N, C-alpha and C. Protein backbone atom coordinates (compact mmCIF):
# COMPACT_ATOMS: atom_id res chain seq x y z
N MET A 1 118.08 85.90 115.10
CA MET A 1 117.02 85.71 114.13
C MET A 1 115.69 85.70 114.73
N ASP A 2 114.67 86.21 114.08
CA ASP A 2 113.32 86.32 114.61
C ASP A 2 112.55 84.98 114.43
N LYS A 3 113.04 84.20 113.40
CA LYS A 3 112.34 82.86 113.12
C LYS A 3 113.39 81.79 113.08
N MET A 4 113.11 80.72 113.72
CA MET A 4 114.03 79.53 113.73
C MET A 4 113.21 78.24 113.75
N ILE A 5 113.76 77.18 113.15
CA ILE A 5 113.12 75.89 113.10
C ILE A 5 113.91 74.90 113.97
N PHE A 6 113.08 74.07 114.74
CA PHE A 6 113.68 73.18 115.64
C PHE A 6 113.00 71.76 115.51
N PHE A 7 113.72 70.68 115.92
CA PHE A 7 113.28 69.33 115.82
C PHE A 7 113.28 68.70 117.15
N GLY A 8 112.47 67.66 117.39
CA GLY A 8 112.43 66.94 118.61
C GLY A 8 111.65 65.65 118.43
N LYS A 9 111.78 64.75 119.41
CA LYS A 9 111.01 63.50 119.34
C LYS A 9 109.51 63.78 119.48
N THR A 10 109.18 64.83 120.14
CA THR A 10 107.78 65.30 120.35
C THR A 10 107.73 66.81 120.03
N VAL A 11 106.55 67.31 119.80
CA VAL A 11 106.41 68.78 119.61
C VAL A 11 106.88 69.56 120.81
N GLU A 12 106.52 69.03 121.97
CA GLU A 12 106.93 69.69 123.24
C GLU A 12 108.50 69.80 123.36
N GLU A 13 109.15 68.66 122.98
CA GLU A 13 110.59 68.65 123.09
C GLU A 13 111.21 69.61 122.09
N ALA A 14 110.63 69.72 120.90
CA ALA A 14 111.16 70.62 119.82
C ALA A 14 110.97 72.06 120.29
N VAL A 15 109.84 72.31 120.91
CA VAL A 15 109.58 73.73 121.37
C VAL A 15 110.57 74.08 122.47
N GLU A 16 110.72 73.11 123.42
CA GLU A 16 111.64 73.37 124.56
C GLU A 16 113.07 73.60 124.06
N ARG A 17 113.50 72.83 123.02
CA ARG A 17 114.82 73.16 122.48
C ARG A 17 114.93 74.55 121.94
N GLY A 18 113.89 74.90 121.21
CA GLY A 18 113.87 76.24 120.67
C GLY A 18 113.90 77.38 121.66
N LEU A 19 113.14 77.16 122.76
CA LEU A 19 113.15 78.20 123.76
C LEU A 19 114.48 78.38 124.41
N GLN A 20 115.15 77.21 124.65
CA GLN A 20 116.47 77.25 125.30
C GLN A 20 117.50 77.90 124.38
N GLU A 21 117.46 77.59 123.12
CA GLU A 21 118.45 78.14 122.16
C GLU A 21 118.18 79.65 121.90
N MET A 22 116.92 80.02 121.84
CA MET A 22 116.59 81.49 121.56
C MET A 22 116.64 82.23 122.88
N ARG A 23 116.71 81.54 123.98
CA ARG A 23 116.76 82.14 125.33
C ARG A 23 115.59 83.05 125.59
N VAL A 24 114.42 82.51 125.34
CA VAL A 24 113.18 83.22 125.58
C VAL A 24 112.19 82.34 126.34
N THR A 25 111.15 82.94 126.86
CA THR A 25 110.03 82.14 127.50
C THR A 25 109.01 81.93 126.41
N LYS A 26 108.11 81.02 126.70
CA LYS A 26 107.07 80.63 125.68
C LYS A 26 106.15 81.80 125.35
N GLU A 27 106.00 82.75 126.31
CA GLU A 27 105.15 83.90 126.10
C GLU A 27 105.77 84.85 125.13
N LYS A 28 107.03 84.71 124.81
CA LYS A 28 107.74 85.61 123.90
C LYS A 28 107.84 85.14 122.52
N VAL A 29 107.20 83.97 122.18
CA VAL A 29 107.32 83.48 120.85
C VAL A 29 105.93 82.95 120.33
N MET A 30 105.84 82.86 119.00
CA MET A 30 104.71 82.22 118.43
C MET A 30 105.14 80.87 117.87
N VAL A 31 104.41 79.82 118.23
CA VAL A 31 104.81 78.48 117.85
C VAL A 31 103.93 77.98 116.69
N LYS A 32 104.60 77.53 115.63
CA LYS A 32 103.93 76.88 114.51
C LYS A 32 104.45 75.49 114.34
N VAL A 33 103.49 74.51 114.40
CA VAL A 33 103.91 73.13 114.23
C VAL A 33 103.90 72.84 112.65
N LEU A 34 105.09 72.52 112.17
CA LEU A 34 105.27 72.31 110.77
C LEU A 34 105.06 70.82 110.43
N GLU A 35 105.55 69.99 111.32
CA GLU A 35 105.32 68.49 111.09
C GLU A 35 105.20 67.80 112.44
N GLU A 36 104.16 66.99 112.55
CA GLU A 36 103.93 66.13 113.75
C GLU A 36 105.00 64.99 113.67
N PRO A 37 105.41 64.46 114.86
CA PRO A 37 106.34 63.33 114.81
C PRO A 37 105.62 62.10 114.23
N VAL A 38 106.35 61.26 113.54
CA VAL A 38 105.81 60.00 112.95
C VAL A 38 106.62 58.84 113.46
N LYS A 39 106.01 57.87 114.04
CA LYS A 39 106.71 56.64 114.48
C LYS A 39 106.90 55.69 113.32
N GLY A 40 108.02 55.15 113.19
CA GLY A 40 108.32 54.15 112.10
C GLY A 40 108.11 52.78 112.55
N LEU A 41 108.47 51.85 111.77
CA LEU A 41 108.33 50.44 112.03
C LEU A 41 109.05 50.07 113.31
N PHE A 42 108.40 49.47 114.27
CA PHE A 42 109.00 49.14 115.55
C PHE A 42 109.49 50.27 116.31
N GLY A 43 108.93 51.44 115.93
CA GLY A 43 109.31 52.72 116.66
C GLY A 43 110.70 53.20 116.24
N ILE A 44 111.29 52.58 115.22
CA ILE A 44 112.64 52.97 114.80
C ILE A 44 112.71 53.34 113.33
N LEU A 45 112.47 52.37 112.41
CA LEU A 45 112.62 52.56 111.01
C LEU A 45 111.60 53.51 110.46
N GLY A 46 112.08 54.53 109.72
CA GLY A 46 111.16 55.43 109.03
C GLY A 46 110.56 56.46 109.93
N SER A 47 111.02 56.54 111.18
CA SER A 47 110.46 57.54 112.09
C SER A 47 110.89 58.96 111.73
N LYS A 48 109.98 59.91 112.01
CA LYS A 48 110.33 61.32 111.66
C LYS A 48 110.08 62.18 112.90
N PRO A 49 110.94 63.15 113.20
CA PRO A 49 110.89 63.93 114.38
C PRO A 49 109.81 65.03 114.15
N ALA A 50 109.41 65.62 115.27
CA ALA A 50 108.49 66.78 115.16
C ALA A 50 109.32 68.01 114.70
N LYS A 51 108.68 68.83 113.91
CA LYS A 51 109.36 70.04 113.34
C LYS A 51 108.46 71.24 113.65
N VAL A 52 109.04 72.22 114.38
CA VAL A 52 108.34 73.42 114.78
C VAL A 52 109.10 74.69 114.35
N GLU A 53 108.34 75.75 114.16
CA GLU A 53 108.93 77.09 113.93
C GLU A 53 108.54 77.98 115.03
N LEU A 54 109.60 78.62 115.58
CA LEU A 54 109.42 79.58 116.67
C LEU A 54 109.70 81.00 116.14
N GLU A 55 108.79 81.85 116.28
CA GLU A 55 108.97 83.25 115.85
C GLU A 55 108.95 84.14 117.05
N ARG A 56 110.01 84.90 117.17
CA ARG A 56 110.11 85.84 118.34
C ARG A 56 109.04 86.94 118.22
N ILE A 57 108.29 87.15 119.27
CA ILE A 57 107.33 88.29 119.35
C ILE A 57 108.11 89.53 119.72
N VAL A 58 108.13 90.50 118.76
CA VAL A 58 108.83 91.69 118.98
C VAL A 58 107.92 92.87 119.49
N ASP A 59 108.26 93.45 120.55
CA ASP A 59 107.47 94.56 121.15
C ASP A 59 107.86 95.84 120.43
N PRO A 60 106.95 96.44 119.62
CA PRO A 60 107.34 97.65 118.88
C PRO A 60 107.73 98.78 119.78
N ILE A 61 107.12 98.95 120.94
CA ILE A 61 107.49 99.98 121.87
C ILE A 61 108.93 99.83 122.34
N GLU A 62 109.24 98.60 122.70
CA GLU A 62 110.57 98.35 123.22
C GLU A 62 111.63 98.59 122.12
N GLU A 63 111.27 98.23 120.89
CA GLU A 63 112.20 98.46 119.73
C GLU A 63 112.42 99.96 119.52
N GLY A 64 111.34 100.71 119.69
CA GLY A 64 111.46 102.15 119.48
C GLY A 64 112.30 102.75 120.57
N LYS A 65 112.18 102.22 121.78
CA LYS A 65 112.92 102.68 122.97
C LYS A 65 114.44 102.39 122.76
N LYS A 66 114.76 101.15 122.36
CA LYS A 66 116.15 100.78 122.13
C LYS A 66 116.74 101.65 121.04
N PHE A 67 115.98 101.87 119.98
CA PHE A 67 116.53 102.72 118.89
C PHE A 67 116.88 104.12 119.38
N LEU A 68 115.95 104.72 120.19
CA LEU A 68 116.18 106.00 120.70
C LEU A 68 117.34 106.06 121.69
N MET A 69 117.47 105.09 122.51
CA MET A 69 118.61 105.05 123.47
C MET A 69 119.91 105.03 122.67
N ASN A 70 119.99 104.24 121.64
CA ASN A 70 121.16 104.13 120.79
C ASN A 70 121.54 105.43 120.18
N VAL A 71 120.50 106.18 119.63
CA VAL A 71 120.70 107.46 119.07
C VAL A 71 121.27 108.43 120.14
N LEU A 72 120.65 108.46 121.27
CA LEU A 72 121.04 109.36 122.39
C LEU A 72 122.47 109.12 122.81
N GLU A 73 122.84 107.82 122.92
CA GLU A 73 124.21 107.46 123.32
C GLU A 73 125.21 107.95 122.29
N LYS A 74 124.87 107.84 121.02
CA LYS A 74 125.79 108.30 119.95
C LYS A 74 125.92 109.79 119.94
N MET A 75 124.91 110.49 120.46
CA MET A 75 124.98 111.92 120.60
C MET A 75 125.67 112.35 121.88
N GLY A 76 126.09 111.38 122.69
CA GLY A 76 126.76 111.67 123.89
C GLY A 76 125.85 112.19 124.98
N MET A 77 124.56 111.90 124.85
CA MET A 77 123.57 112.37 125.87
C MET A 77 123.27 111.29 126.89
N LYS A 78 123.31 111.67 128.15
CA LYS A 78 122.93 110.71 129.28
C LYS A 78 121.49 111.01 129.64
N VAL A 79 120.59 110.28 129.09
CA VAL A 79 119.20 110.55 129.28
C VAL A 79 118.43 109.22 129.56
N ASP A 80 117.57 109.37 130.56
CA ASP A 80 116.61 108.22 130.90
C ASP A 80 115.33 108.37 130.12
N ILE A 81 114.69 107.25 129.76
CA ILE A 81 113.39 107.34 129.07
C ILE A 81 112.31 106.76 129.91
N GLU A 82 111.38 107.57 130.34
CA GLU A 82 110.21 107.09 131.06
C GLU A 82 109.09 106.76 130.10
N VAL A 83 108.47 105.62 130.21
CA VAL A 83 107.46 105.23 129.31
C VAL A 83 106.08 105.20 130.02
N PHE A 84 105.11 105.91 129.40
CA PHE A 84 103.77 105.99 129.92
C PHE A 84 102.77 105.56 128.82
N HIS A 85 101.98 104.58 129.19
CA HIS A 85 100.97 104.12 128.22
C HIS A 85 99.65 104.85 128.52
N ARG A 86 99.13 105.55 127.46
CA ARG A 86 97.91 106.28 127.56
C ARG A 86 96.97 105.69 126.50
N LYS A 87 95.71 106.05 126.59
CA LYS A 87 94.74 105.57 125.61
C LYS A 87 95.06 106.00 124.20
N GLU A 88 95.43 107.29 124.07
CA GLU A 88 95.64 107.85 122.72
C GLU A 88 97.04 107.54 122.17
N ALA A 89 98.01 107.24 123.01
CA ALA A 89 99.39 107.01 122.56
C ALA A 89 100.29 106.51 123.64
N VAL A 90 101.47 106.21 123.31
CA VAL A 90 102.51 105.80 124.27
C VAL A 90 103.52 107.00 124.38
N TYR A 91 103.77 107.46 125.61
CA TYR A 91 104.62 108.63 125.74
C TYR A 91 106.05 108.21 126.26
N PHE A 92 107.02 108.73 125.49
CA PHE A 92 108.44 108.61 125.91
C PHE A 92 108.88 109.94 126.49
N ASN A 93 109.00 110.04 127.78
CA ASN A 93 109.45 111.26 128.43
C ASN A 93 110.93 111.17 128.75
N LEU A 94 111.71 112.18 128.17
CA LEU A 94 113.14 112.15 128.38
C LEU A 94 113.49 112.94 129.64
N VAL A 95 114.39 112.32 130.45
CA VAL A 95 114.78 112.92 131.73
C VAL A 95 116.33 112.93 131.75
N GLY A 96 116.90 114.18 131.94
CA GLY A 96 118.29 114.27 131.98
C GLY A 96 118.74 115.69 131.83
N ASP A 97 120.08 115.87 131.51
CA ASP A 97 120.60 117.25 131.38
C ASP A 97 120.69 117.63 129.91
N ARG A 98 120.85 118.90 129.70
CA ARG A 98 121.02 119.47 128.33
C ARG A 98 119.91 119.02 127.32
N LEU A 99 118.69 118.88 127.83
CA LEU A 99 117.61 118.50 127.04
C LEU A 99 117.18 119.50 125.96
N GLY A 100 117.58 120.76 126.17
CA GLY A 100 117.26 121.79 125.20
C GLY A 100 117.88 121.40 123.78
N ILE A 101 119.01 120.67 123.78
CA ILE A 101 119.58 120.23 122.53
C ILE A 101 118.71 119.29 121.78
N LEU A 102 118.00 118.46 122.55
CA LEU A 102 117.15 117.47 121.99
C LEU A 102 115.76 118.08 121.56
N ILE A 103 115.39 119.12 122.23
CA ILE A 103 114.12 119.84 121.87
C ILE A 103 114.32 120.58 120.56
N GLY A 104 115.34 121.45 120.50
CA GLY A 104 115.58 122.22 119.33
C GLY A 104 114.63 123.40 119.20
N HIS A 105 114.79 124.17 118.11
CA HIS A 105 113.93 125.38 117.96
C HIS A 105 112.48 124.96 117.70
N HIS A 106 111.60 125.41 118.62
CA HIS A 106 110.21 125.07 118.54
C HIS A 106 109.94 123.58 118.39
N GLY A 107 110.81 122.76 119.03
CA GLY A 107 110.61 121.36 119.09
C GLY A 107 111.00 120.62 117.79
N GLN A 108 111.71 121.25 116.88
CA GLN A 108 111.98 120.61 115.64
C GLN A 108 112.83 119.38 115.73
N THR A 109 113.88 119.36 116.63
CA THR A 109 114.67 118.21 116.86
C THR A 109 113.88 117.11 117.53
N LEU A 110 113.06 117.45 118.49
CA LEU A 110 112.18 116.51 119.16
C LEU A 110 111.24 115.85 118.16
N ASP A 111 110.67 116.65 117.29
CA ASP A 111 109.76 116.13 116.27
C ASP A 111 110.47 115.19 115.32
N ALA A 112 111.73 115.52 114.93
CA ALA A 112 112.45 114.62 114.05
C ALA A 112 112.78 113.31 114.70
N LEU A 113 113.20 113.32 115.95
CA LEU A 113 113.44 112.10 116.69
C LEU A 113 112.12 111.26 116.88
N GLN A 114 111.07 111.95 117.16
CA GLN A 114 109.77 111.26 117.22
C GLN A 114 109.37 110.58 115.97
N TYR A 115 109.62 111.21 114.86
CA TYR A 115 109.30 110.58 113.52
C TYR A 115 110.12 109.33 113.36
N LEU A 116 111.40 109.36 113.67
CA LEU A 116 112.31 108.21 113.49
C LEU A 116 111.90 107.07 114.38
N VAL A 117 111.61 107.40 115.67
CA VAL A 117 111.21 106.37 116.62
C VAL A 117 109.89 105.69 116.16
N ASN A 118 108.97 106.47 115.61
CA ASN A 118 107.76 105.92 115.17
C ASN A 118 107.93 105.00 113.90
N ALA A 119 108.92 105.44 113.11
CA ALA A 119 109.21 104.65 111.89
C ALA A 119 109.78 103.30 112.26
N VAL A 120 110.63 103.25 113.29
CA VAL A 120 111.22 101.97 113.77
C VAL A 120 110.15 101.09 114.39
N ALA A 121 109.38 101.70 115.29
CA ALA A 121 108.33 100.89 115.94
C ALA A 121 107.28 100.42 114.94
N GLY A 122 107.05 101.17 113.92
CA GLY A 122 106.07 100.81 112.91
C GLY A 122 106.43 99.55 112.15
N ARG A 123 107.68 99.21 112.13
CA ARG A 123 108.08 98.02 111.40
C ARG A 123 107.57 96.72 112.07
N TYR A 124 107.35 96.83 113.35
CA TYR A 124 106.89 95.69 114.17
C TYR A 124 105.42 95.75 114.65
N ALA A 125 104.84 96.91 114.55
CA ALA A 125 103.53 97.11 115.03
C ALA A 125 102.45 96.56 114.09
N LYS A 126 101.50 95.70 114.62
CA LYS A 126 100.44 95.18 113.83
C LYS A 126 99.34 96.21 113.75
N GLY A 127 99.17 97.01 114.81
CA GLY A 127 98.16 98.04 114.76
C GLY A 127 98.86 99.37 114.62
N LYS A 128 98.20 100.47 114.99
CA LYS A 128 98.86 101.80 115.01
C LYS A 128 99.35 102.15 116.38
N GLU A 129 100.62 101.89 116.55
CA GLU A 129 101.29 102.18 117.84
C GLU A 129 101.89 103.59 117.75
N ARG A 130 101.22 104.58 118.26
CA ARG A 130 101.75 105.95 118.15
C ARG A 130 102.59 106.29 119.39
N ILE A 131 103.78 106.75 119.14
CA ILE A 131 104.69 107.19 120.23
C ILE A 131 104.83 108.66 120.17
N ILE A 132 104.67 109.32 121.36
CA ILE A 132 104.88 110.79 121.44
C ILE A 132 106.13 111.01 122.30
N LEU A 133 107.04 111.74 121.79
CA LEU A 133 108.24 111.99 122.49
C LEU A 133 108.21 113.37 123.15
N ASP A 134 108.59 113.43 124.49
CA ASP A 134 108.51 114.70 125.24
C ASP A 134 109.75 114.86 126.06
N ALA A 135 110.04 116.08 126.40
CA ALA A 135 111.19 116.34 127.32
C ALA A 135 110.86 117.61 128.12
N GLU A 136 111.06 117.47 129.38
CA GLU A 136 110.83 118.59 130.36
C GLU A 136 109.35 119.17 130.13
N ASN A 137 108.45 118.28 129.79
CA ASN A 137 106.99 118.71 129.56
C ASN A 137 106.92 119.80 128.47
N TYR A 138 107.85 119.66 127.52
CA TYR A 138 107.89 120.69 126.47
C TYR A 138 106.58 120.70 125.72
N ARG A 139 105.96 119.55 125.41
CA ARG A 139 104.75 119.45 124.61
C ARG A 139 103.62 120.33 125.27
N SER A 140 103.41 120.02 126.55
CA SER A 140 102.29 120.74 127.28
C SER A 140 102.57 122.23 127.36
N LYS A 141 103.84 122.59 127.57
CA LYS A 141 104.23 124.02 127.69
C LYS A 141 104.00 124.68 126.38
N ARG A 142 104.41 124.05 125.27
CA ARG A 142 104.27 124.58 123.94
C ARG A 142 102.78 124.74 123.60
N LYS A 143 101.98 123.73 123.92
CA LYS A 143 100.52 123.78 123.66
C LYS A 143 99.90 124.99 124.37
N GLU A 144 100.27 125.19 125.63
CA GLU A 144 99.76 126.33 126.37
C GLU A 144 100.21 127.65 125.74
N SER A 145 101.49 127.71 125.28
CA SER A 145 101.98 128.89 124.66
C SER A 145 101.20 129.23 123.39
N LEU A 146 100.93 128.17 122.61
CA LEU A 146 100.27 128.40 121.32
C LEU A 146 98.81 128.81 121.51
N GLU A 147 98.20 128.25 122.53
CA GLU A 147 96.82 128.65 122.90
C GLU A 147 96.77 130.07 123.29
N GLU A 148 97.66 130.51 124.06
CA GLU A 148 97.75 131.91 124.52
C GLU A 148 97.97 132.78 123.34
N LEU A 149 98.80 132.38 122.37
CA LEU A 149 99.07 133.15 121.17
C LEU A 149 97.78 133.22 120.33
N ALA A 150 97.13 132.12 120.20
CA ALA A 150 95.93 132.09 119.41
C ALA A 150 94.82 133.02 119.99
N GLU A 151 94.66 132.99 121.28
CA GLU A 151 93.68 133.88 121.96
C GLU A 151 94.03 135.30 121.76
N ARG A 152 95.34 135.64 121.95
CA ARG A 152 95.74 137.03 121.83
C ARG A 152 95.54 137.60 120.44
N VAL A 153 95.95 136.79 119.42
CA VAL A 153 95.78 137.17 118.04
C VAL A 153 94.25 137.29 117.63
N ALA A 154 93.46 136.34 118.11
CA ALA A 154 92.03 136.35 117.81
C ALA A 154 91.40 137.60 118.29
N ARG A 155 91.76 138.00 119.48
CA ARG A 155 91.20 139.24 120.01
C ARG A 155 91.53 140.47 119.14
N LYS A 156 92.76 140.50 118.65
CA LYS A 156 93.20 141.55 117.79
C LYS A 156 92.43 141.53 116.46
N VAL A 157 92.22 140.33 115.89
CA VAL A 157 91.47 140.25 114.68
C VAL A 157 90.00 140.66 114.90
N LEU A 158 89.40 140.28 116.04
CA LEU A 158 88.02 140.71 116.30
C LEU A 158 87.96 142.22 116.50
N ARG A 159 88.99 142.85 117.03
CA ARG A 159 88.95 144.29 117.22
C ARG A 159 89.20 145.07 115.93
N THR A 160 90.17 144.59 115.13
CA THR A 160 90.55 145.34 113.93
C THR A 160 89.84 144.81 112.66
N LYS A 161 89.35 143.55 112.70
CA LYS A 161 88.81 142.85 111.54
C LYS A 161 89.76 142.68 110.39
N GLU A 162 91.01 142.70 110.76
CA GLU A 162 92.10 142.46 109.79
C GLU A 162 92.76 141.09 110.06
N SER A 163 93.09 140.40 108.91
CA SER A 163 93.69 139.06 109.10
C SER A 163 95.13 139.19 109.60
N VAL A 164 95.51 138.13 110.34
CA VAL A 164 96.88 138.03 110.86
C VAL A 164 97.47 136.69 110.47
N LYS A 165 98.66 136.70 109.92
CA LYS A 165 99.37 135.52 109.52
C LYS A 165 100.43 135.14 110.57
N LEU A 166 100.37 133.98 111.15
CA LEU A 166 101.26 133.50 112.13
C LEU A 166 102.56 132.94 111.46
N GLU A 167 103.58 132.77 112.31
CA GLU A 167 104.84 132.17 111.76
C GLU A 167 104.64 130.66 111.35
N PRO A 168 105.44 130.20 110.49
CA PRO A 168 105.27 128.82 110.02
C PRO A 168 105.29 127.85 111.22
N MET A 169 104.44 126.81 111.17
CA MET A 169 104.39 125.83 112.18
C MET A 169 104.23 124.39 111.57
N ASN A 170 104.60 123.42 112.34
CA ASN A 170 104.36 122.03 111.88
C ASN A 170 102.87 121.68 111.96
N ALA A 171 102.50 120.55 111.43
CA ALA A 171 101.09 120.16 111.32
C ALA A 171 100.46 120.07 112.72
N ASN A 172 101.21 119.51 113.66
CA ASN A 172 100.66 119.29 115.01
C ASN A 172 100.37 120.65 115.68
N GLU A 173 101.28 121.60 115.56
CA GLU A 173 101.07 122.93 116.13
C GLU A 173 99.94 123.68 115.50
N ARG A 174 99.83 123.53 114.13
CA ARG A 174 98.68 124.19 113.48
C ARG A 174 97.41 123.59 113.93
N ARG A 175 97.38 122.30 114.20
CA ARG A 175 96.15 121.64 114.68
C ARG A 175 95.74 122.14 116.01
N ILE A 176 96.68 122.46 116.93
CA ILE A 176 96.37 123.06 118.19
C ILE A 176 95.68 124.45 118.06
N ILE A 177 96.20 125.25 117.14
CA ILE A 177 95.60 126.54 116.89
C ILE A 177 94.21 126.40 116.33
N HIS A 178 94.04 125.54 115.35
CA HIS A 178 92.76 125.34 114.69
C HIS A 178 91.73 124.89 115.70
N THR A 179 92.09 123.89 116.53
CA THR A 179 91.21 123.40 117.53
C THR A 179 90.80 124.32 118.53
N TYR A 180 91.78 125.11 119.01
CA TYR A 180 91.47 126.12 120.04
C TYR A 180 90.54 127.24 119.56
N LEU A 181 90.61 127.57 118.33
CA LEU A 181 89.81 128.72 117.84
C LEU A 181 88.61 128.32 117.05
N GLN A 182 88.33 127.03 116.87
CA GLN A 182 87.23 126.62 116.01
C GLN A 182 85.84 127.01 116.51
N LYS A 183 85.74 127.22 117.86
CA LYS A 183 84.39 127.55 118.36
C LYS A 183 84.27 129.00 118.72
N VAL A 184 85.32 129.82 118.36
CA VAL A 184 85.22 131.22 118.59
C VAL A 184 84.49 131.93 117.53
N SER A 185 83.40 132.67 117.92
CA SER A 185 82.56 133.34 116.99
C SER A 185 83.25 134.37 116.16
N HIS A 186 82.97 134.42 114.87
CA HIS A 186 83.53 135.46 113.95
C HIS A 186 85.03 135.27 113.70
N ILE A 187 85.53 134.11 114.00
CA ILE A 187 86.96 133.81 113.71
C ILE A 187 87.06 132.59 112.78
N LEU A 188 87.91 132.75 111.76
CA LEU A 188 88.17 131.58 110.81
C LEU A 188 89.70 131.42 110.74
N THR A 189 90.09 130.15 110.84
CA THR A 189 91.55 129.86 110.68
C THR A 189 91.69 128.99 109.45
N VAL A 190 92.77 129.33 108.64
CA VAL A 190 93.07 128.61 107.48
C VAL A 190 94.59 128.41 107.40
N SER A 191 95.02 127.29 106.79
CA SER A 191 96.43 127.05 106.60
C SER A 191 96.87 127.42 105.22
N GLU A 192 97.94 128.17 105.05
CA GLU A 192 98.43 128.55 103.75
C GLU A 192 99.90 128.19 103.60
N GLY A 193 100.32 128.08 102.34
CA GLY A 193 101.76 127.84 102.03
C GLY A 193 102.08 126.35 101.98
N GLU A 194 103.35 126.06 101.63
CA GLU A 194 103.85 124.74 101.50
C GLU A 194 104.79 124.36 102.68
N GLU A 195 104.83 123.10 103.02
CA GLU A 195 105.73 122.64 104.09
C GLU A 195 107.20 122.91 103.58
N PRO A 196 108.14 123.29 104.46
CA PRO A 196 107.95 123.44 105.91
C PRO A 196 107.54 124.87 106.32
N TYR A 197 107.09 125.68 105.31
CA TYR A 197 106.76 127.08 105.63
C TYR A 197 105.25 127.34 105.71
N ARG A 198 104.47 126.24 105.84
CA ARG A 198 103.03 126.38 105.96
C ARG A 198 102.65 127.02 107.31
N SER A 199 101.74 127.98 107.21
CA SER A 199 101.41 128.74 108.40
C SER A 199 99.88 128.98 108.47
N ILE A 200 99.44 129.45 109.63
CA ILE A 200 97.99 129.71 109.81
C ILE A 200 97.67 131.17 109.66
N VAL A 201 96.59 131.47 109.01
CA VAL A 201 96.06 132.83 108.94
C VAL A 201 94.79 132.90 109.71
N ILE A 202 94.70 133.84 110.63
CA ILE A 202 93.50 133.98 111.43
C ILE A 202 92.68 135.17 110.86
N ARG A 203 91.48 134.87 110.39
CA ARG A 203 90.71 135.86 109.73
C ARG A 203 89.37 136.20 110.47
N TYR A 204 88.83 137.35 110.17
CA TYR A 204 87.59 137.78 110.74
C TYR A 204 86.49 137.29 109.74
N LYS A 205 85.42 136.72 110.27
CA LYS A 205 84.23 136.34 109.39
C LYS A 205 83.01 136.91 109.97
N GLU A 206 82.08 137.27 109.08
CA GLU A 206 80.85 137.85 109.56
C GLU A 206 79.95 136.85 110.13
């Protein structure tokens, strides 16, 4: 349980009982004093113990990692998860064999796992804890590949002045294309269609 109530002759004693029963350190819980101890007549009659509530502090990143490990084990995958904290997000880098299965076509399986991990972590996060899932540096390689595609198609559009429609991509991949081409003169990028078939059209503009 994440919340439990404990009693003791003093607040300190009640807290200590709680820490022992929950098997955690004081840094891992939030303590709320519900009732201060009250001494009765002659220190015996009518006395009331201290009453405290201990709430376990849950790390959203750790919960996301545990969820992912459980999913990978059920898939029969032997994979280690490296965790890197960056300013923009927390990265889970998968290390192991047969990672192509987890990446999927154009990263679709990786994206699905990332969505689920963020959903689990989001239950416990007070702020916006964004987790990015990667395997074999797929994300950076895919970004580089998309930027090369964008540059190649943009050159064709500038030469022919005819629009080119790219294959359907997810929102993150479309964002990479938009960002890469936004400062290119005479090039306009727009997204068309409905998910999951939404794609980018690269157009010539005067």
